[in-house]
C-alpha atoms as a PDB file:
ATOM      1  CA  UNK A   1      44.186  11.034  31.490  1.00  0.00           C
ATOM      2  CA  UNK A   2      40.768   9.746  30.545  1.00  0.00           C
ATOM      3  CA  UNK A   3      40.481   5.974  30.223  1.00  0.00           C
ATOM      4  CA  UNK A   4      40.006   4.575  26.743  1.00  0.00           C
ATOM      5  CA  UNK A   5      36.382   3.694  25.978  1.00  0.00           C
ATOM      6  CA  UNK A   6      35.510   0.047  26.108  1.00  0.00           C
ATOM      7  CA  UNK A   7      33.451  -1.731  23.494  1.00  0.00           C
ATOM      8  CA  UNK A   8      30.379  -1.204  25.637  1.00  0.00           C
ATOM      9  CA  UNK A   9      30.876   2.569  25.485  1.00  0.00           C
ATOM     10  CA  UNK A  10      30.902   2.742  21.701  1.00  0.00           C
ATOM     11  CA  UNK A  11      27.655   3.698  19.968  1.00  0.00           C
ATOM     12  CA  UNK A  12      25.899   0.801  18.375  1.00  0.00           C
ATOM     13  CA  UNK A  13      25.350   0.974  14.654  1.00  0.00           C
ATOM     14  CA  UNK A  14      21.710   0.712  13.557  1.00  0.00           C
ATOM     15  CA  UNK A  15      20.813  -2.794  12.514  1.00  0.00           C
ATOM     16  CA  UNK A  16      18.948  -3.597   9.318  1.00  0.00           C
ATOM     17  CA  UNK A  17      15.506  -5.020  10.160  1.00  0.00           C
ATOM     18  CA  UNK A  18      15.099  -8.627   9.047  1.00  0.00           C
ATOM     19  CA  UNK A  19      12.933  -9.208   5.968  1.00  0.00           C
ATOM     20  CA  UNK A  20       9.258  -9.847   6.557  1.00  0.00           C
ATOM     21  CA  UNK A  21       7.871 -13.293   5.913  1.00  0.00           C
ATOM     22  CA  UNK A  22       5.743 -13.506   2.777  1.00  0.00           C
ATOM     23  CA  UNK A  23       2.431 -13.493   4.621  1.00  0.00           C
ATOM     24  CA  UNK A  24       3.275 -10.403   6.680  1.00  0.00           C
ATOM     25  CA  UNK A  25       4.833  -8.746   3.649  1.00  0.00           C
ATOM     26  CA  UNK A  26       1.643  -9.138   1.606  1.00  0.00           C
ATOM     27  CA  UNK A  27      -0.419  -7.436   4.309  1.00  0.00           C
ATOM     28  CA  UNK A  28       2.086  -4.670   5.085  1.00  0.00           C
ATOM     29  CA  UNK A  29       2.670  -3.947   1.399  1.00  0.00           C
ATOM     30  CA  UNK A  30      -1.060  -3.658   0.723  1.00  0.00           C
ATOM     31  CA  UNK A  31      -1.429  -1.253   3.655  1.00  0.00           C
ATOM     32  CA  UNK A  32       1.408   0.837   2.194  1.00  0.00           C
ATOM     33  CA  UNK A  33      -0.323   0.900  -1.200  1.00  0.00           C
ATOM     34  CA  UNK A  34      -3.614   1.946   0.398  1.00  0.00           C
ATOM     35  CA  UNK A  35      -1.831   4.786   2.165  1.00  0.00           C
ATOM     36  CA  UNK A  36      -0.290   5.980  -1.081  1.00  0.00           C
ATOM     37  CA  UNK A  37      -3.806   6.299  -2.510  1.00  0.00           C
ATOM     38  CA  UNK A  38      -5.283   7.916   0.607  1.00  0.00           C
ATOM     39  CA  UNK A  39      -5.538  11.561   1.586  1.00  0.00           C
ATOM     40  CA  UNK A  40      -3.634  13.107   4.434  1.00  0.00           C
ATOM     41  CA  UNK A  41      -5.984  14.122   7.292  1.00  0.00           C
ATOM     42  CA  UNK A  42      -7.467  17.581   6.889  1.00  0.00           C
ATOM     43  CA  UNK A  43      -5.857  20.439   8.760  1.00  0.00           C
ATOM     44  CA  UNK A  44      -7.603  21.485  11.987  1.00  0.00           C
ATOM     45  CA  UNK A  45      -9.707  24.630  12.002  1.00  0.00           C
ATOM     46  CA  UNK A  46      -7.585  27.743  11.907  1.00  0.00           C
ATOM     47  CA  UNK A  47      -4.553  25.971  10.461  1.00  0.00           C
ATOM     48  CA  UNK A  48      -5.004  27.498   7.030  1.00  0.00           C
ATOM     49  CA  UNK A  49      -6.063  25.910   3.787  1.00  0.00           C
ATOM     50  CA  UNK A  50      -3.835  23.480   1.969  1.00  0.00           C
ATOM     51  CA  UNK A  51      -4.319  21.275  -1.080  1.00  0.00           C
ATOM     52  CA  UNK A  52      -5.028  17.577  -0.609  1.00  0.00           C
ATOM     53  CA  UNK A  53      -1.852  15.534  -0.351  1.00  0.00           C
ATOM     54  CA  UNK A  54      -1.260  11.805  -0.455  1.00  0.00           C
ATOM     55  CA  UNK A  55      -0.883  10.301   2.988  1.00  0.00           C
ATOM     56  CA  UNK A  56       2.382   8.799   4.081  1.00  0.00           C
ATOM     57  CA  UNK A  57       3.237   6.824   7.177  1.00  0.00           C
ATOM     58  CA  UNK A  58       1.519   8.997   9.745  1.00  0.00           C
ATOM     59  CA  UNK A  59      -0.751   7.690  12.466  1.00  0.00           C
ATOM     60  CA  UNK A  60      -3.901   8.716  10.561  1.00  0.00           C
ATOM     61  CA  UNK A  61      -5.264   8.458   7.041  1.00  0.00           C
ATOM     62  CA  UNK A  62      -8.571   9.309   5.414  1.00  0.00           C
ATOM     63  CA  UNK A  63     -10.556   7.431   2.781  1.00  0.00           C
ATOM     64  CA  UNK A  64     -13.700   8.483   0.977  1.00  0.00           C
ATOM     65  CA  UNK A  65     -14.776   4.885   0.440  1.00  0.00           C
ATOM     66  CA  UNK A  66     -15.963   2.583   3.193  1.00  0.00           C
ATOM     67  CA  UNK A  67     -14.619  -0.579   1.541  1.00  0.00           C
ATOM     68  CA  UNK A  68     -11.089   0.900   1.438  1.00  0.00           C
ATOM     69  CA  UNK A  69     -11.244   1.778   5.137  1.00  0.00           C
ATOM     70  CA  UNK A  70     -12.656  -1.655   5.960  1.00  0.00           C
ATOM     71  CA  UNK A  71      -9.854  -3.362   4.035  1.00  0.00           C
ATOM     72  CA  UNK A  72      -7.180  -1.388   5.857  1.00  0.00           C
ATOM     73  CA  UNK A  73      -8.758  -2.238   9.214  1.00  0.00           C
ATOM     74  CA  UNK A  74      -8.783  -5.911   8.228  1.00  0.00           C
ATOM     75  CA  UNK A  75      -5.116  -5.836   7.250  1.00  0.00           C
ATOM     76  CA  UNK A  76      -4.046  -3.985  10.398  1.00  0.00           C
ATOM     77  CA  UNK A  77      -5.950  -6.482  12.530  1.00  0.00           C
ATOM     78  CA  UNK A  78      -3.971  -9.305  10.939  1.00  0.00           C
ATOM     79  CA  UNK A  79      -0.780  -7.329  11.622  1.00  0.00           C
ATOM     80  CA  UNK A  80      -1.935  -6.916  15.247  1.00  0.00           C
ATOM     81  CA  UNK A  81      -2.033  -3.118  14.989  1.00  0.00           C
ATOM     82  CA  UNK A  82      -5.087  -1.559  16.683  1.00  0.00           C
ATOM     83  CA  UNK A  83      -6.827   1.237  14.810  1.00  0.00           C
ATOM     84  CA  UNK A  84      -9.727   3.581  15.485  1.00  0.00           C
ATOM     85  CA  UNK A  85     -12.311   4.321  12.813  1.00  0.00           C
ATOM     86  CA  UNK A  86     -14.294   7.566  12.700  1.00  0.00           C
ATOM     87  CA  UNK A  87     -16.914   8.395  10.079  1.00  0.00           C
ATOM     88  CA  UNK A  88     -18.016  11.921   9.256  1.00  0.00           C
ATOM     89  CA  UNK A  89     -20.599  12.999   6.696  1.00  0.00           C
ATOM     90  CA  UNK A  90     -20.893  16.214   4.741  1.00  0.00           C
ATOM     91  CA  UNK A  91     -22.296  17.816   1.659  1.00  0.00           C
ATOM     92  CA  UNK A  92     -25.695  19.289   0.883  1.00  0.00           C
ATOM     93  CA  UNK A  93     -27.111  17.970  -2.356  1.00  0.00           C
ATOM     94  CA  UNK A  94     -24.530  15.245  -2.671  1.00  0.00           C
ATOM     95  CA  UNK A  95     -23.830  13.623   0.665  1.00  0.00           C
ATOM     96  CA  UNK A  96     -20.473  11.969   1.220  1.00  0.00           C
ATOM     97  CA  UNK A  97     -18.726  10.014   3.943  1.00  0.00           C
ATOM     98  CA  UNK A  98     -15.147  10.420   5.102  1.00  0.00           C
ATOM     99  CA  UNK A  99     -13.517   7.516   6.921  1.00  0.00           C
ATOM    100  CA  UNK A 100     -10.647   8.455   9.222  1.00  0.00           C
ATOM    101  CA  UNK A 101      -8.396   5.703  10.582  1.00  0.00           C
ATOM    102  CA  UNK A 102      -6.187   6.476  13.562  1.00  0.00           C
ATOM    103  CA  UNK A 103      -3.453   4.243  15.019  1.00  0.00           C
ATOM    104  CA  UNK A 104      -2.903   4.818  18.758  1.00  0.00           C
ATOM    105  CA  UNK A 105       0.289   6.699  19.566  1.00  0.00           C
ATOM    106  CA  UNK A 106       1.796   3.802  21.514  1.00  0.00           C
ATOM    107  CA  UNK A 107       1.579   1.587  18.424  1.00  0.00           C
ATOM    108  CA  UNK A 108       2.761   4.231  15.978  1.00  0.00           C
ATOM    109  CA  UNK A 109       6.401   3.136  15.820  1.00  0.00           C
ATOM    110  CA  UNK A 110       5.535  -0.523  15.161  1.00  0.00           C
ATOM    111  CA  UNK A 111       2.991   0.492  12.529  1.00  0.00           C
ATOM    112  CA  UNK A 112       5.380   2.869  10.755  1.00  0.00           C
ATOM    113  CA  UNK A 113       8.156   0.284  10.707  1.00  0.00           C
ATOM    114  CA  UNK A 114       5.925  -2.430   9.259  1.00  0.00           C
ATOM    115  CA  UNK A 115       4.582  -0.149   6.550  1.00  0.00           C
ATOM    116  CA  UNK A 116       8.018   1.216   5.639  1.00  0.00           C
ATOM    117  CA  UNK A 117       9.595  -2.232   5.392  1.00  0.00           C
ATOM    118  CA  UNK A 118       6.531  -3.624   3.628  1.00  0.00           C
ATOM    119  CA  UNK A 119       6.629  -0.937   0.945  1.00  0.00           C
ATOM    120  CA  UNK A 120      10.382  -1.101   0.403  1.00  0.00           C
ATOM    121  CA  UNK A 121      10.519  -4.888   0.306  1.00  0.00           C
ATOM    122  CA  UNK A 122       7.372  -5.306  -1.791  1.00  0.00           C
ATOM    123  CA  UNK A 123       8.428  -2.617  -4.265  1.00  0.00           C
ATOM    124  CA  UNK A 124      11.813  -4.303  -4.665  1.00  0.00           C
ATOM    125  CA  UNK A 125      10.169  -7.668  -5.316  1.00  0.00           C
ATOM    126  CA  UNK A 126       7.904  -6.245  -8.028  1.00  0.00           C
ATOM    127  CA  UNK A 127      10.293  -3.858  -9.767  1.00  0.00           C
ATOM    128  CA  UNK A 128      13.220  -6.259  -9.739  1.00  0.00           C
ATOM    129  CA  UNK A 129      13.773  -8.312 -12.863  1.00  0.00           C
ATOM    130  CA  UNK A 130      13.392 -12.082 -13.132  1.00  0.00           C
ATOM    131  CA  UNK A 131      15.803 -13.885 -10.831  1.00  0.00           C
ATOM    132  CA  UNK A 132      17.578 -16.989 -12.043  1.00  0.00           C
ATOM    133  CA  UNK A 133      16.918 -19.869  -9.711  1.00  0.00           C
ATOM    134  CA  UNK A 134      14.188 -18.045  -7.792  1.00  0.00           C
ATOM    135  CA  UNK A 135      12.581 -20.131  -5.085  1.00  0.00           C
ATOM    136  CA  UNK A 136       9.108 -21.566  -5.440  1.00  0.00           C
ATOM    137  CA  UNK A 137       7.876 -19.198  -2.724  1.00  0.00           C
ATOM    138  CA  UNK A 138       9.127 -16.158  -4.626  1.00  0.00           C
ATOM    139  CA  UNK A 139       7.557 -17.330  -7.883  1.00  0.00           C
ATOM    140  CA  UNK A 140       4.234 -17.810  -6.079  1.00  0.00           C
ATOM    141  CA  UNK A 141       4.211 -14.653  -3.963  1.00  0.00           C
ATOM    142  CA  UNK A 142       5.399 -12.027  -6.465  1.00  0.00           C
ATOM    143  CA  UNK A 143       2.095 -12.232  -8.428  1.00  0.00           C
ATOM    144  CA  UNK A 144       0.246 -12.106  -5.109  1.00  0.00           C
ATOM    145  CA  UNK A 145       2.059  -8.889  -4.218  1.00  0.00           C
ATOM    146  CA  UNK A 146       1.079  -7.541  -7.631  1.00  0.00           C
ATOM    147  CA  UNK A 147      -2.548  -8.421  -6.917  1.00  0.00           C
ATOM    148  CA  UNK A 148      -2.298  -6.713  -3.505  1.00  0.00           C
ATOM    149  CA  UNK A 149      -1.109  -3.481  -5.139  1.00  0.00           C
ATOM    150  CA  UNK A 150      -3.929  -3.538  -7.689  1.00  0.00           C
ATOM    151  CA  UNK A 151      -6.500  -4.389  -5.014  1.00  0.00           C
ATOM    152  CA  UNK A 152      -5.425  -1.382  -2.936  1.00  0.00           C
ATOM    153  CA  UNK A 153      -5.440   0.946  -5.943  1.00  0.00           C
ATOM    154  CA  UNK A 154      -8.874  -0.196  -7.104  1.00  0.00           C
ATOM    155  CA  UNK A 155     -10.257   0.318  -3.589  1.00  0.00           C
ATOM    156  CA  UNK A 156      -8.642   3.642  -2.722  1.00  0.00           C
ATOM    157  CA  UNK A 157      -7.406   5.173  -5.975  1.00  0.00           C
ATOM    158  CA  UNK A 158      -9.397   7.318  -8.364  1.00  0.00           C
ATOM    159  CA  UNK A 159     -11.343   5.127 -10.775  1.00  0.00           C
ATOM    160  CA  UNK A 160     -10.933   6.095 -14.419  1.00  0.00           C
ATOM    161  CA  UNK A 161     -13.314   3.750 -16.194  1.00  0.00           C
ATOM    162  CA  UNK A 162     -14.109   4.125 -19.867  1.00  0.00           C
ATOM    163  CA  UNK A 163     -15.833   1.817 -22.296  1.00  0.00           C
ATOM    164  CA  UNK A 164     -12.535   0.426 -23.562  1.00  0.00           C
ATOM    165  CA  UNK A 165     -10.332   0.555 -20.417  1.00  0.00           C
ATOM    166  CA  UNK A 166     -10.172   0.028 -16.695  1.00  0.00           C
ATOM    167  CA  UNK A 167      -7.997   2.812 -15.312  1.00  0.00           C
ATOM    168  CA  UNK A 168      -6.834   4.278 -12.009  1.00  0.00           C
ATOM    169  CA  UNK A 169      -5.777   7.868 -11.334  1.00  0.00           C
ATOM    170  CA  UNK A 170      -2.844   8.229  -8.942  1.00  0.00           C
ATOM    171  CA  UNK A 171      -0.673  11.065  -7.697  1.00  0.00           C
ATOM    172  CA  UNK A 172       2.074   8.679  -6.580  1.00  0.00           C
ATOM    173  CA  UNK A 173       4.499   7.944  -9.411  1.00  0.00           C
ATOM    174  CA  UNK A 174       6.178   5.044  -7.599  1.00  0.00           C
ATOM    175  CA  UNK A 175       2.877   3.276  -7.045  1.00  0.00           C
ATOM    176  CA  UNK A 176       1.990   3.839 -10.701  1.00  0.00           C
ATOM    177  CA  UNK A 177       5.232   2.096 -11.715  1.00  0.00           C
ATOM    178  CA  UNK A 178       4.480  -0.747  -9.300  1.00  0.00           C
ATOM    179  CA  UNK A 179       1.038  -1.227 -10.872  1.00  0.00           C
ATOM    180  CA  UNK A 180       2.455  -1.367 -14.392  1.00  0.00           C
ATOM    181  CA  UNK A 181       5.046  -3.948 -13.369  1.00  0.00           C
ATOM    182  CA  UNK A 182       2.477  -5.799 -11.285  1.00  0.00           C
ATOM    183  CA  UNK A 183       0.153  -6.069 -14.267  1.00  0.00           C
ATOM    184  CA  UNK A 184       2.983  -7.638 -16.269  1.00  0.00           C
ATOM    185  CA  UNK A 185       3.458 -10.241 -13.523  1.00  0.00           C
ATOM    186  CA  UNK A 186      -0.263 -10.964 -13.800  1.00  0.00           C
ATOM    187  CA  UNK A 187       0.275 -11.382 -17.567  1.00  0.00           C
ATOM    188  CA  UNK A 188      -1.672  -8.243 -18.433  1.00  0.00           C
ATOM    189  CA  UNK A 189      -0.204  -5.308 -20.407  1.00  0.00           C
ATOM    190  CA  UNK A 190      -0.797  -1.944 -18.720  1.00  0.00           C
ATOM    191  CA  UNK A 191      -0.303   1.610 -19.937  1.00  0.00           C
ATOM    192  CA  UNK A 192       0.955   4.570 -17.922  1.00  0.00           C
ATOM    193  CA  UNK A 193       0.221   8.078 -19.103  1.00  0.00           C
ATOM    194  CA  UNK A 194       0.211  11.494 -17.442  1.00  0.00           C
ATOM    195  CA  UNK A 195      -3.136  13.059 -16.615  1.00  0.00           C
ATOM    196  CA  UNK A 196      -4.168  16.421 -15.195  1.00  0.00           C
ATOM    197  CA  UNK A 197      -1.965  16.544 -12.110  1.00  0.00           C
ATOM    198  CA  UNK A 198      -1.881  12.775 -11.852  1.00  0.00           C
ATOM    199  CA  UNK A 199      -0.879   9.538 -13.541  1.00  0.00           C
ATOM    200  CA  UNK A 200      -3.352   7.143 -15.139  1.00  0.00           C
ATOM    201  CA  UNK A 201      -2.602   3.423 -15.195  1.00  0.00           C
ATOM    202  CA  UNK A 202      -4.970   1.453 -17.403  1.00  0.00           C
ATOM    203  CA  UNK A 203      -5.601  -1.985 -18.832  1.00  0.00           C
ATOM    204  CA  UNK A 204      -7.772  -2.835 -21.829  1.00  0.00           C
ATOM    205  CA  UNK A 205     -11.363  -3.900 -21.393  1.00  0.00           C
ATOM    206  CA  UNK A 206     -12.197  -7.535 -21.990  1.00  0.00           C
ATOM    207  CA  UNK A 207      -9.881 -10.355 -20.981  1.00  0.00           C
ATOM    208  CA  UNK A 208      -7.195  -8.034 -19.543  1.00  0.00           C
ATOM    209  CA  UNK A 209      -9.691  -6.268 -17.282  1.00  0.00           C
ATOM    210  CA  UNK A 210     -11.238  -9.590 -16.247  1.00  0.00           C
ATOM    211  CA  UNK A 211      -7.845 -11.034 -15.344  1.00  0.00           C
ATOM    212  CA  UNK A 212      -6.999  -8.059 -13.110  1.00  0.00           C
ATOM    213  CA  UNK A 213     -10.374  -8.161 -11.368  1.00  0.00           C
ATOM    214  CA  UNK A 214     -10.129 -11.908 -10.872  1.00  0.00           C
ATOM    215  CA  UNK A 215      -6.652 -11.546  -9.387  1.00  0.00           C
ATOM    216  CA  UNK A 216      -7.651  -8.914  -6.840  1.00  0.00           C
ATOM    217  CA  UNK A 217     -10.571 -10.962  -5.545  1.00  0.00           C
ATOM    218  CA  UNK A 218      -8.127 -13.648  -4.425  1.00  0.00           C
ATOM    219  CA  UNK A 219      -6.797 -12.752  -0.994  1.00  0.00           C
ATOM    220  CA  UNK A 220      -3.597 -14.764  -0.416  1.00  0.00           C
ATOM    221  CA  UNK A 221      -2.816 -13.161   2.937  1.00  0.00           C
ATOM    222  CA  UNK A 222      -4.684 -15.724   5.011  1.00  0.00           C
ATOM    223  CA  UNK A 223      -3.734 -18.828   6.869  1.00  0.00           C
ATOM    224  CA  UNK A 224      -0.588 -19.674   8.844  1.00  0.00           C
ATOM    225  CA  UNK A 225       2.706 -17.848   8.519  1.00  0.00           C
ATOM    226  CA  UNK A 226       5.197 -18.841   5.877  1.00  0.00           C
ATOM    227  CA  UNK A 227       8.937 -18.603   5.550  1.00  0.00           C
ATOM    228  CA  UNK A 228      10.769 -15.296   5.270  1.00  0.00           C
ATOM    229  CA  UNK A 229      11.736 -13.839   1.911  1.00  0.00           C
ATOM    230  CA  UNK A 230      14.869 -15.505   0.613  1.00  0.00           C
END
């Protein structure tokens, strides 16, 4: 007769990761938003053609703008995640640069976990309704998360600028919803409408546009760590 298993023999249930502190959350959430605007790395030669797809939490992502790649490197450095940066050029008449960021394999699990938690926690903070008795930290940091989302989208998303609007083209519906809600937290009305194979989030020119641009130039994710989300 086999002995009954002891408590030590029983499989351990997966534990829920603790919430990120506000400072780490702001950085991880912005990285997640950048990734949702980025392209997945191109297939290697001989792998067949495939349409561009938004990147998810892989170990590599590609940006066609240097400032977006630089921002992601800056954020990952603050999160203590090393990353390689390769630049390739192409085109004949119109030259272009492609910036490929690669996280080393040994840091991939930590990176993926931070980005996954950052997106889930940040999205919940922005899409959740007003909370009665919210702490001072939450009231301060929710608009900062909104600014982080808009900063990432303006850097890495498709600009859709017209005389009367500032707009961004996105293929990610969840990020589009986050931007609309984030604009409301920044006291700016935003519109969401479908485009050709994408979504366009826009704000009116004038004071609304100026308020968004002013918000994204403020980088709150600096300085010492702060308390965890409550």
